[in-house]
Amino acid sequence: MENNQNLKTIFSCNPFEVIKQYKNKHKGKDNNIYNSQEYKNFQNTVNQPFTNFCYFIYQQIPSEIAANNFYKITLDKLIDIDFNILVSPYKISLHKYLDIFSLLYIELIDTSIRIKFIDSAGAFLARNIGEKNPVMIANIIAENVKAFDFAYNGDSCYFNQKEILNSSQEELINKFKKWFQYYLPFFLQAVSNKPIPAVSQPIYSLGQCTEDTGVSQPVLERWICTINRKVQAVLYGSPGTGKTYLAEKLAQHLIGGGDGFLELVQFHPAYSYEDFIQGIRPQSQNGILAYPLVPGRFLEFCKKAESREDTCVLIIDEINRANLAQVFGELMYLLEYRDKEIPLAGGNNFRIPKNVRIIGTMNTADRSIANIDHALRRRFAFIELSSNYEVLRNYHRRRGFAVEGLINILQQLNQAIADKNYEIGISFFLTDNLREDIEDIWRMEIEPYLEEYFFNQLEKVDKFRWDEIKNKLWI
């Protein structure tokens, strides 16, 4: 029953219209609105459904930080209707505090629902943690000076009218969970007598990863096992197969529940050893031009990873677009012998920390895996990605779009391309407004790609022009 409830929208009717009618009925009147039929209707159509939604949100908060006894709090008027402000500024507000400190509240107003912190929430938690563990609070602020500036980090989870009326409770709850995961470690530390990692990452299960990516859990388990065994891997495939998105999701799983972190760097033809490892950089020091040896992105990443206990992941996007032998330099040796330390060209010694994982992405339309340096191929595991049409089906099934016609066209198109390195992937079409966007996507992205690929066989492109395929899509 609870799962079926989660699939429903919050309200059986439009609460904002009810609120509007209610305000117009009673604005500026002295009659006893609490005994009116409109008030009873308001309770049934707005207040009670909102209370139920509050309870679903409340259930997502760990018991050690949740407010005590949800329904007792309700009776104590922490959910209330501020009828006194119906005259000026003509606003209805229902609200409820959700946590043990009364820092987080959920509120329904006449235009939206939002889950928000009070203004002093960050300062309160920082002071609370600092009193018990001043070293930890120093580490948190050293990591991010604005860590407790909740307004800076996005101190509210906002649901507009369209979301509230069209989204299921489950979708709204998932949005809250993703927003709250940044703040959860601070709350847990504030109520714990045992220190937890200052930068603890939210747990991201393979089940969640499967739901987000459409890749089956056994396949994800095999990929994770490969990455941990080889400690560096490359996701490769044709354009639109979701390489970067998948790399980020795999990295989230690898760092989940620990004190590790994720960073991304994108390679390009001008990227150099000096950018990635270290190099001389001209700098002005007290008005004098100096040329110090400056660490590159990878050295900075590894230095940061040395201070962590758990897995840290560096994603190298478009790894094949740079001259890899030149960019990696001595790193080629260390990628194979992770337990070794070698001197760099600048004179300092360097080793890759054992907790570092590297995930590269490679677009095979730019360069085939067969053209990658063999020495580099030996040091990476290669995970092939292809168009997963089931992901496209599931994505648009939730949005009410039929995509069998589109999938049929894509299959025919990829057969005409006849090279898996250049196939058209599905990520072009993962848009919430496919019916409105499809023509623009096809004309501005798919057709130019085909014209480049079939540059000396343009008659093949003509079969897949928008005017030829639009009536076969059935979206």
Protein backbone atom coordinates (compact mmCIF):
# COMPACT_ATOMS: atom_id res chain seq x y z
CA MET A 1 0.00 0.00 0.00
CA GLU A 2 2.77 2.40 0.86
CA ASN A 3 4.46 1.91 -2.55
CA ASN A 4 1.16 2.63 -4.31
CA GLN A 5 0.77 5.73 -2.18
CA ASN A 6 4.23 6.91 -3.19
CA LEU A 7 3.25 6.75 -6.87
CA LYS A 8 0.33 9.16 -6.34
CA THR A 9 0.52 12.92 -6.48
CA ILE A 10 0.19 14.77 -3.15
CA PHE A 11 -3.16 16.42 -3.74
CA SER A 12 -6.36 15.09 -5.29
CA CYS A 13 -7.16 18.59 -6.57
CA ASN A 14 -5.25 21.80 -7.20
CA PRO A 15 -4.45 23.15 -3.70
CA PHE A 16 -3.38 26.53 -5.03
CA GLU A 17 -6.82 27.15 -6.52
CA VAL A 18 -8.39 26.12 -3.20
CA ILE A 19 -6.12 28.54 -1.36
CA LYS A 20 -6.93 31.31 -3.83
CA GLN A 21 -10.67 30.78 -3.46
CA TYR A 22 -10.36 30.54 0.30
CA LYS A 23 -8.46 33.83 0.54
CA ASN A 24 -10.92 35.63 -1.71
CA LYS A 25 -13.83 34.32 0.37
CA HIS A 26 -12.49 35.41 3.76
CA LYS A 27 -10.15 38.30 3.04
CA GLY A 28 -10.88 41.19 5.36
CA LYS A 29 -13.87 39.56 6.99
CA ASP A 30 -14.47 39.32 10.72
CA ASN A 31 -16.75 36.26 10.64
CA ASN A 32 -15.62 33.09 12.40
CA ILE A 33 -13.78 31.35 9.58
CA TYR A 34 -12.84 28.37 11.75
CA ASN A 35 -16.45 27.18 11.84
CA SER A 36 -17.10 27.71 8.14
CA GLN A 37 -17.62 24.94 5.60
CA GLU A 38 -14.78 26.42 3.54
CA TYR A 39 -12.43 25.90 6.46
CA LYS A 40 -13.45 22.24 6.72
CA ASN A 41 -12.94 21.82 2.97
CA PHE A 42 -9.58 23.53 3.28
CA GLN A 43 -8.55 21.07 5.98
CA ASN A 44 -9.56 18.06 3.86
CA THR A 45 -8.20 19.16 0.47
CA VAL A 46 -5.06 21.07 1.48
CA ASN A 47 -3.99 20.70 5.09
CA GLN A 48 -4.42 16.93 5.53
CA PRO A 49 -2.72 15.91 2.20
CA PHE A 50 0.13 18.29 2.99
CA THR A 51 0.46 16.75 6.47
CA ASN A 52 0.68 13.31 4.89
CA PHE A 53 3.42 14.50 2.53
CA CYS A 54 5.29 15.99 5.50
CA TYR A 55 5.22 12.58 7.10
CA PHE A 56 6.74 10.93 4.02
CA ILE A 57 9.55 13.52 4.06
CA TYR A 58 9.93 13.06 7.83
CA GLN A 59 10.48 9.31 7.27
CA GLN A 60 13.54 10.04 5.11
CA ILE A 61 15.36 11.72 8.02
CA PRO A 62 17.47 9.40 10.24
CA SER A 63 15.77 8.77 13.57
CA GLU A 64 18.66 10.18 15.59
CA ILE A 65 18.16 13.66 14.10
CA ALA A 66 14.42 13.59 13.34
CA ALA A 67 11.99 15.56 15.47
CA ASN A 68 10.48 13.41 18.22
CA ASN A 69 7.05 11.89 17.56
CA PHE A 70 5.71 13.31 14.30
CA TYR A 71 2.03 13.30 15.23
CA LYS A 72 2.63 14.71 18.69
CA ILE A 73 4.38 17.64 17.07
CA THR A 74 1.40 18.13 14.78
CA LEU A 75 -0.96 18.38 17.75
CA ASP A 76 1.36 20.91 19.31
CA LYS A 77 0.57 23.23 16.38
CA LEU A 78 3.92 23.03 14.64
CA ILE A 79 1.75 22.53 11.60
CA ASP A 80 -0.53 25.50 11.60
CA ILE A 81 -2.38 27.84 9.26
CA ASP A 82 -1.58 31.50 9.68
CA PHE A 83 -5.05 32.89 9.07
CA ASN A 84 -4.15 36.14 10.76
CA ILE A 85 -2.20 37.28 7.73
CA LEU A 86 -5.03 36.72 5.25
CA VAL A 87 -5.68 40.46 5.12
CA SER A 88 -2.09 41.58 4.69
CA PRO A 89 0.02 40.39 2.93
CA TYR A 90 -2.73 37.94 1.87
CA LYS A 91 -0.65 34.77 2.27
CA ILE A 92 -1.46 31.36 3.68
CA SER A 93 1.39 29.36 5.19
CA LEU A 94 1.41 25.79 6.48
CA HIS A 95 4.66 24.69 8.07
CA LYS A 96 6.29 21.99 10.17
CA TYR A 97 9.75 21.51 11.68
CA LEU A 98 11.34 18.19 10.79
CA ASP A 99 14.52 17.85 12.87
CA ILE A 100 15.39 17.62 16.54
CA PHE A 101 16.95 21.12 16.58
CA SER A 102 14.04 22.83 14.73
CA LEU A 103 16.44 24.01 12.02
CA LEU A 104 14.74 22.39 9.02
CA TYR A 105 11.13 23.00 8.13
CA ILE A 106 8.72 22.21 5.32
CA GLU A 107 6.29 24.90 4.22
CA LEU A 108 3.33 25.18 1.88
CA ILE A 109 2.56 28.70 0.72
CA ASP A 110 0.07 29.85 -1.87
CA THR A 111 2.51 29.37 -4.76
CA SER A 112 4.78 26.43 -3.88
CA ILE A 113 6.20 23.98 -1.35
CA ARG A 114 9.72 24.40 -0.04
CA ILE A 115 11.91 22.62 2.49
CA LYS A 116 14.25 25.13 4.04
CA PHE A 117 16.66 25.88 6.87
CA ILE A 118 16.21 28.75 9.29
CA ASP A 119 18.78 31.51 8.77
CA SER A 120 21.03 30.49 11.67
CA ALA A 121 21.07 26.73 10.92
CA GLY A 122 24.63 26.56 9.59
CA ALA A 123 26.06 28.61 12.45
CA PHE A 124 24.17 26.51 15.02
CA LEU A 125 25.54 23.22 13.64
CA ALA A 126 29.07 24.60 13.32
CA ARG A 127 29.03 25.77 16.94
CA ASN A 128 27.55 22.46 18.11
CA ILE A 129 30.16 20.37 16.29
CA GLY A 130 32.99 22.71 17.27
CA GLU A 131 32.24 22.40 20.97
CA LYS A 132 32.71 18.61 20.79
CA ASN A 133 35.40 18.38 18.13
CA PRO A 134 37.28 21.61 17.30
CA VAL A 135 39.79 19.75 15.09
CA MET A 136 37.01 18.39 12.94
CA ILE A 137 35.36 21.78 12.50
CA ALA A 138 38.75 23.22 11.47
CA ASN A 139 39.17 20.46 8.88
CA ILE A 140 35.70 21.00 7.47
CA ILE A 141 36.26 24.74 7.05
CA ALA A 142 39.75 24.19 5.64
CA GLU A 143 38.19 21.91 3.03
CA ASN A 144 35.43 24.42 2.22
CA VAL A 145 35.38 27.80 3.87
CA LYS A 146 31.67 28.15 3.02
CA ALA A 147 30.71 24.66 4.21
CA PHE A 148 28.32 26.04 6.87
CA ASP A 149 27.03 28.91 4.74
CA PHE A 150 23.80 27.13 3.90
CA ALA A 151 22.47 30.07 1.90
CA TYR A 152 25.55 29.84 -0.34
CA ASN A 153 25.20 26.06 -0.74
CA GLY A 154 21.49 26.18 -1.54
CA ASP A 155 19.51 26.26 1.68
CA SER A 156 16.15 25.23 0.25
CA CYS A 157 14.58 22.43 -1.74
CA TYR A 158 11.92 24.08 -3.87
CA PHE A 159 8.89 22.45 -5.55
CA ASN A 160 6.99 24.65 -7.99
CA GLN A 161 3.30 24.25 -8.81
CA LYS A 162 3.95 22.16 -11.95
CA GLU A 163 6.11 19.68 -10.00
CA ILE A 164 3.59 19.38 -7.18
CA LEU A 165 0.63 18.77 -9.48
CA ASN A 166 2.36 16.41 -11.94
CA SER A 167 5.05 14.57 -9.95
CA SER A 168 4.49 11.56 -7.75
CA GLN A 169 5.32 11.69 -4.04
CA GLU A 170 8.24 9.34 -4.75
CA GLU A 171 9.75 11.77 -7.28
CA LEU A 172 9.42 14.69 -4.86
CA ILE A 173 10.92 12.65 -2.02
CA ASN A 174 13.89 11.64 -4.19
CA LYS A 175 14.51 15.29 -5.00
CA PHE A 176 14.57 16.08 -1.27
CA LYS A 177 16.95 13.18 -0.52
CA LYS A 178 19.44 14.33 -3.16
CA TRP A 179 19.33 17.89 -1.81
CA PHE A 180 19.60 16.89 1.87
CA GLN A 181 22.56 14.50 1.41
CA TYR A 182 25.04 17.42 1.59
CA TYR A 183 23.75 18.54 5.01
CA LEU A 184 23.15 15.11 6.57
CA PRO A 185 26.77 14.58 7.83
CA PHE A 186 26.63 17.89 9.73
CA PHE A 187 23.42 16.88 11.51
CA LEU A 188 24.77 13.41 12.34
CA GLN A 189 27.96 14.87 13.79
CA ALA A 190 25.97 17.37 15.83
CA VAL A 191 24.16 14.55 17.67
CA SER A 192 27.02 12.05 17.80
CA ASN A 193 29.55 11.58 20.56
CA LYS A 194 31.80 9.71 18.14
CA PRO A 195 33.42 11.72 15.37
CA ILE A 196 32.50 10.83 11.80
CA PRO A 197 34.59 11.85 8.76
CA ALA A 198 34.39 15.58 8.24
CA VAL A 199 33.84 15.17 4.51
CA SER A 200 31.89 11.90 4.56
CA GLN A 201 30.22 11.29 1.22
CA PRO A 202 26.61 10.10 0.93
CA ILE A 203 26.21 6.40 0.23
CA TYR A 204 25.28 5.78 -3.40
CA SER A 205 24.26 2.15 -3.83
CA LEU A 206 24.49 0.08 -6.98
CA GLY A 207 20.70 -0.16 -6.83
CA GLN A 208 20.47 3.61 -7.08
CA CYS A 209 23.06 3.58 -9.85
CA THR A 210 21.00 1.02 -11.79
CA GLU A 211 17.91 3.19 -11.40
CA ASP A 212 19.75 6.31 -12.59
CA THR A 213 21.67 4.75 -15.49
CA GLY A 214 19.53 1.84 -16.65
CA VAL A 215 22.56 -0.49 -16.51
CA SER A 216 21.81 -3.78 -14.76
CA GLN A 217 23.30 -4.33 -11.32
CA PRO A 218 25.36 -7.41 -12.32
CA VAL A 219 27.00 -5.40 -15.09
CA LEU A 220 27.72 -2.52 -12.73
CA GLU A 221 29.19 -4.94 -10.19
CA ARG A 222 31.53 -6.32 -12.86
CA TRP A 223 32.62 -2.81 -13.86
CA ILE A 224 33.26 -1.78 -10.24
CA CYS A 225 35.25 -4.97 -9.68
CA THR A 226 37.32 -4.22 -12.80
CA ILE A 227 38.03 -0.64 -11.72
CA ASN A 228 39.11 -1.73 -8.24
CA ARG A 229 41.26 -4.55 -9.62
CA LYS A 230 42.99 -2.51 -12.35
CA VAL A 231 42.62 0.82 -10.46
CA GLN A 232 42.29 2.68 -13.75
CA ALA A 233 39.78 2.14 -16.54
CA VAL A 234 38.45 3.81 -19.68
CA LEU A 235 34.79 3.90 -20.68
CA TYR A 236 34.72 4.02 -24.47
CA GLY A 237 31.97 4.18 -27.07
CA SER A 238 30.36 6.15 -29.86
CA PRO A 239 28.83 9.63 -29.38
CA GLY A 240 25.80 9.76 -27.10
CA THR A 241 26.34 6.55 -25.13
CA GLY A 242 26.54 8.37 -21.78
CA LYS A 243 30.22 7.84 -21.01
CA THR A 244 30.77 10.90 -18.82
CA TYR A 245 27.44 10.45 -17.01
CA LEU A 246 28.23 6.80 -16.26
CA ALA A 247 31.77 7.66 -15.14
CA GLU A 248 30.37 10.16 -12.63
CA LYS A 249 27.81 7.67 -11.32
CA LEU A 250 30.43 4.93 -10.92
CA ALA A 251 32.67 7.40 -9.12
CA GLN A 252 29.82 8.39 -6.78
CA HIS A 253 29.43 4.73 -5.83
CA LEU A 254 33.17 4.28 -5.29
CA ILE A 255 33.46 7.27 -2.93
CA GLY A 256 30.08 6.74 -1.23
CA GLY A 257 30.12 6.36 2.54
CA GLY A 258 33.79 7.39 2.88
CA ASP A 259 35.90 10.50 3.14
CA GLY A 260 37.07 10.38 -0.48
CA PHE A 261 36.19 12.82 -3.23
CA LEU A 262 35.65 13.10 -6.96
CA GLU A 263 37.28 15.49 -9.43
CA LEU A 264 37.02 15.81 -13.20
CA VAL A 265 39.54 17.10 -15.73
CA GLN A 266 39.01 17.28 -19.48
CA PHE A 267 41.85 16.61 -21.90
CA HIS A 268 42.22 18.46 -25.19
CA PRO A 269 44.90 18.68 -27.92
CA ALA A 270 46.74 21.53 -26.16
CA TYR A 271 46.82 19.77 -22.78
CA SER A 272 50.39 19.15 -21.64
CA TYR A 273 52.61 17.47 -19.03
CA GLU A 274 52.97 20.86 -17.36
CA ASP A 275 49.19 21.10 -16.97
CA PHE A 276 48.74 17.58 -15.63
CA ILE A 277 51.92 16.72 -13.70
CA GLN A 278 54.03 19.82 -13.05
CA GLY A 279 55.74 22.64 -14.85
CA ILE A 280 57.28 26.08 -14.61
CA ARG A 281 54.76 28.92 -14.47
CA PRO A 282 55.63 32.62 -14.68
CA GLN A 283 54.35 34.44 -11.61
CA SER A 284 54.71 37.93 -10.19
CA GLN A 285 56.13 37.82 -6.64
CA ASN A 286 56.47 41.20 -4.92
CA GLY A 287 56.70 42.90 -8.30
CA ILE A 288 59.42 40.54 -9.54
CA LEU A 289 58.77 38.01 -12.29
CA ALA A 290 59.55 34.50 -11.04
CA TYR A 291 59.35 31.03 -12.58
CA PRO A 292 58.45 28.56 -9.81
CA LEU A 293 57.78 24.86 -10.36
CA VAL A 294 54.00 24.51 -9.99
CA PRO A 295 52.16 21.18 -9.48
CA GLY A 296 49.61 20.24 -12.13
CA ARG A 297 46.09 18.89 -11.66
CA PHE A 298 47.13 15.29 -11.01
CA LEU A 299 49.80 16.12 -8.41
CA GLU A 300 47.34 18.39 -6.60
CA PHE A 301 44.72 15.65 -6.74
CA CYS A 302 47.11 13.05 -5.31
CA LYS A 303 48.28 15.37 -2.54
CA LYS A 304 44.68 15.88 -1.48
CA ALA A 305 44.01 12.11 -1.71
CA GLU A 306 46.95 11.36 0.64
CA SER A 307 45.01 12.96 3.49
CA ARG A 308 42.01 10.66 2.97
CA GLU A 309 41.44 7.12 4.10
CA ASP A 310 38.97 6.06 1.43
CA THR A 311 38.74 5.94 -2.35
CA CYS A 312 39.29 9.12 -4.37
CA VAL A 313 38.37 9.20 -8.07
CA LEU A 314 39.77 11.33 -10.88
CA ILE A 315 37.69 11.33 -14.06
CA ILE A 316 39.65 12.20 -17.21
CA ASP A 317 37.03 13.20 -19.75
CA GLU A 318 37.93 12.83 -23.44
CA ILE A 319 41.18 11.12 -22.44
CA ASN A 320 42.10 10.29 -26.05
CA ARG A 321 42.05 13.90 -27.28
CA ALA A 322 45.46 14.69 -25.75
CA ASN A 323 48.90 13.30 -26.61
CA LEU A 324 48.82 10.79 -23.77
CA ALA A 325 52.47 9.70 -23.82
CA GLN A 326 53.49 13.35 -23.58
CA VAL A 327 50.93 14.31 -20.94
CA PHE A 328 51.55 11.33 -18.65
CA GLY A 329 55.36 11.28 -18.81
CA GLU A 330 56.72 9.32 -15.84
CA LEU A 331 53.15 8.51 -14.83
CA MET A 332 53.21 5.69 -17.39
CA TYR A 333 55.52 3.77 -15.04
CA LEU A 334 53.53 4.56 -11.92
CA LEU A 335 50.23 3.53 -13.51
CA GLU A 336 51.61 0.00 -13.77
CA TYR A 337 53.61 -0.07 -10.54
CA ARG A 338 51.36 1.62 -8.02
CA ASP A 339 53.57 0.65 -5.05
CA LYS A 340 56.64 2.40 -6.50
CA GLU A 341 58.00 5.93 -6.13
CA ILE A 342 60.03 7.69 -8.82
CA PRO A 343 61.70 11.10 -9.24
CA LEU A 344 59.91 13.51 -11.54
CA ALA A 345 61.61 15.70 -14.10
CA GLY A 346 61.42 18.61 -11.67
CA GLY A 347 63.52 16.68 -9.12
CA ASN A 348 60.89 15.81 -6.50
CA ASN A 349 59.81 12.22 -5.80
CA PHE A 350 56.25 11.12 -6.44
CA ARG A 351 54.00 8.10 -5.96
CA ILE A 352 50.30 7.58 -6.65
CA PRO A 353 48.37 7.00 -3.39
CA LYS A 354 46.81 3.54 -3.15
CA ASN A 355 43.32 4.98 -2.70
CA VAL A 356 43.33 6.74 -6.10
CA ARG A 357 41.17 5.43 -8.93
CA ILE A 358 41.25 6.86 -12.46
CA ILE A 359 38.29 6.63 -14.85
CA GLY A 360 38.77 7.93 -18.38
CA THR A 361 36.15 8.47 -21.08
CA MET A 362 36.88 8.05 -24.75
CA ASN A 363 34.78 8.97 -27.77
CA THR A 364 35.59 6.38 -30.44
CA ALA A 365 34.40 8.76 -33.17
CA ASP A 366 37.50 10.85 -32.37
CA ARG A 367 39.96 7.99 -32.17
CA SER A 368 39.48 4.22 -32.21
CA ILE A 369 40.76 2.16 -29.31
CA ALA A 370 42.98 0.42 -31.88
CA ASN A 371 44.89 3.69 -32.32
CA ILE A 372 45.71 4.07 -28.60
CA ASP A 373 49.33 3.50 -27.63
CA HIS A 374 49.73 -0.19 -26.71
CA ALA A 375 51.70 0.62 -23.55
CA LEU A 376 48.82 2.78 -22.37
CA ARG A 377 46.24 0.14 -23.25
CA ARG A 378 48.04 -2.33 -21.02
CA ARG A 379 47.71 -0.01 -18.05
CA PHE A 380 43.95 0.57 -18.34
CA ALA A 381 40.95 -1.72 -18.39
CA PHE A 382 38.62 -0.80 -21.26
CA ILE A 383 34.86 -0.94 -20.75
CA GLU A 384 32.79 -0.67 -23.93
CA LEU A 385 29.49 1.22 -23.94
CA SER A 386 26.90 0.90 -26.69
CA SER A 387 23.43 2.30 -27.26
CA ASN A 388 21.10 0.90 -24.60
CA TYR A 389 17.63 1.35 -26.06
CA GLU A 390 16.00 -0.02 -22.90
CA VAL A 391 17.26 3.06 -21.04
CA LEU A 392 15.58 5.26 -23.65
CA ARG A 393 12.33 3.30 -23.27
CA ASN A 394 12.31 3.51 -19.48
CA TYR A 395 13.24 7.19 -19.44
CA HIS A 396 10.34 8.22 -21.68
CA ARG A 397 7.85 5.69 -20.32
CA ARG A 398 7.81 7.76 -17.12
CA ARG A 399 7.12 10.87 -19.20
CA GLY A 400 4.37 9.39 -21.35
CA PHE A 401 6.28 9.36 -24.67
CA ALA A 402 6.23 6.35 -27.00
CA VAL A 403 9.70 5.95 -28.50
CA GLU A 404 9.47 2.65 -30.39
CA GLY A 405 9.36 4.55 -33.68
CA LEU A 406 12.44 6.55 -32.73
CA ILE A 407 14.29 3.40 -31.66
CA ASN A 408 13.42 1.74 -34.96
CA ILE A 409 14.83 4.74 -36.87
CA LEU A 410 18.02 4.74 -34.75
CA GLN A 411 18.56 1.04 -35.36
CA GLN A 412 18.19 1.53 -39.12
CA LEU A 413 20.49 4.56 -38.99
CA ASN A 414 23.21 2.70 -37.08
CA GLN A 415 22.96 -0.20 -39.53
CA ALA A 416 23.58 2.30 -42.34
CA ILE A 417 26.59 3.72 -40.45
CA ALA A 418 27.88 0.14 -40.10
CA ASP A 419 30.67 1.07 -37.68
CA LYS A 420 30.13 0.77 -33.92
CA ASN A 421 32.69 3.53 -33.32
CA TYR A 422 30.43 6.08 -35.04
CA GLU A 423 26.94 4.93 -34.06
CA ILE A 424 24.38 7.46 -32.81
CA GLY A 425 23.78 7.00 -29.09
CA ILE A 426 20.63 7.59 -27.06
CA SER A 427 21.72 10.50 -24.88
CA PHE A 428 20.80 12.97 -27.64
CA PHE A 429 17.18 12.09 -26.91
CA LEU A 430 17.13 12.02 -23.10
CA THR A 431 15.15 15.25 -22.81
CA ASP A 432 12.04 15.91 -20.75
CA ASN A 433 10.27 17.58 -23.69
CA LEU A 434 11.05 15.12 -26.48
CA ARG A 435 7.94 15.94 -28.51
CA GLU A 436 8.93 19.61 -28.60
CA ASP A 437 12.70 19.10 -28.93
CA ILE A 438 12.98 16.20 -31.37
CA GLU A 439 12.90 18.25 -34.59
CA ASP A 440 15.58 20.64 -33.36
CA ILE A 441 17.76 17.75 -32.12
CA TRP A 442 17.46 15.92 -35.42
CA ARG A 443 18.04 18.93 -37.70
CA MET A 444 20.78 20.63 -35.65
CA GLU A 445 22.67 17.65 -34.18
CA ILE A 446 21.94 14.38 -35.99
CA GLU A 447 21.87 15.59 -39.61
CA PRO A 448 25.15 17.58 -39.41
CA TYR A 449 26.84 14.53 -37.85
CA LEU A 450 25.58 12.31 -40.67
CA GLU A 451 26.66 14.82 -43.33
CA GLU A 452 30.17 14.72 -41.94
CA TYR A 453 30.26 10.94 -41.71
CA PHE A 454 28.75 10.35 -45.18
CA PHE A 455 30.48 13.36 -46.72
CA ASN A 456 31.02 11.53 -50.06
CA GLN A 457 27.76 9.54 -49.91
CA LEU A 458 25.17 12.20 -49.17
CA GLU A 459 22.42 10.13 -50.77
CA LYS A 460 22.58 7.94 -47.63
CA VAL A 461 21.87 10.99 -45.49
CA ASP A 462 18.79 11.85 -47.54
CA LYS A 463 17.02 8.71 -46.24
CA PHE A 464 17.33 10.07 -42.71
CA ARG A 465 16.44 13.72 -43.22
CA TRP A 466 13.85 15.09 -40.81
CA ASP A 467 11.20 15.38 -43.52
CA GLU A 468 11.72 11.69 -44.33
CA ILE A 469 11.54 10.28 -40.82
CA LYS A 470 9.24 12.62 -38.89
CA ASN A 471 6.07 10.66 -39.70
CA LYS A 472 7.68 7.40 -38.55
CA LEU A 473 8.50 8.54 -35.02
CA TRP A 474 5.00 8.21 -33.43
CA ILE A 475 6.07 10.25 -30.40
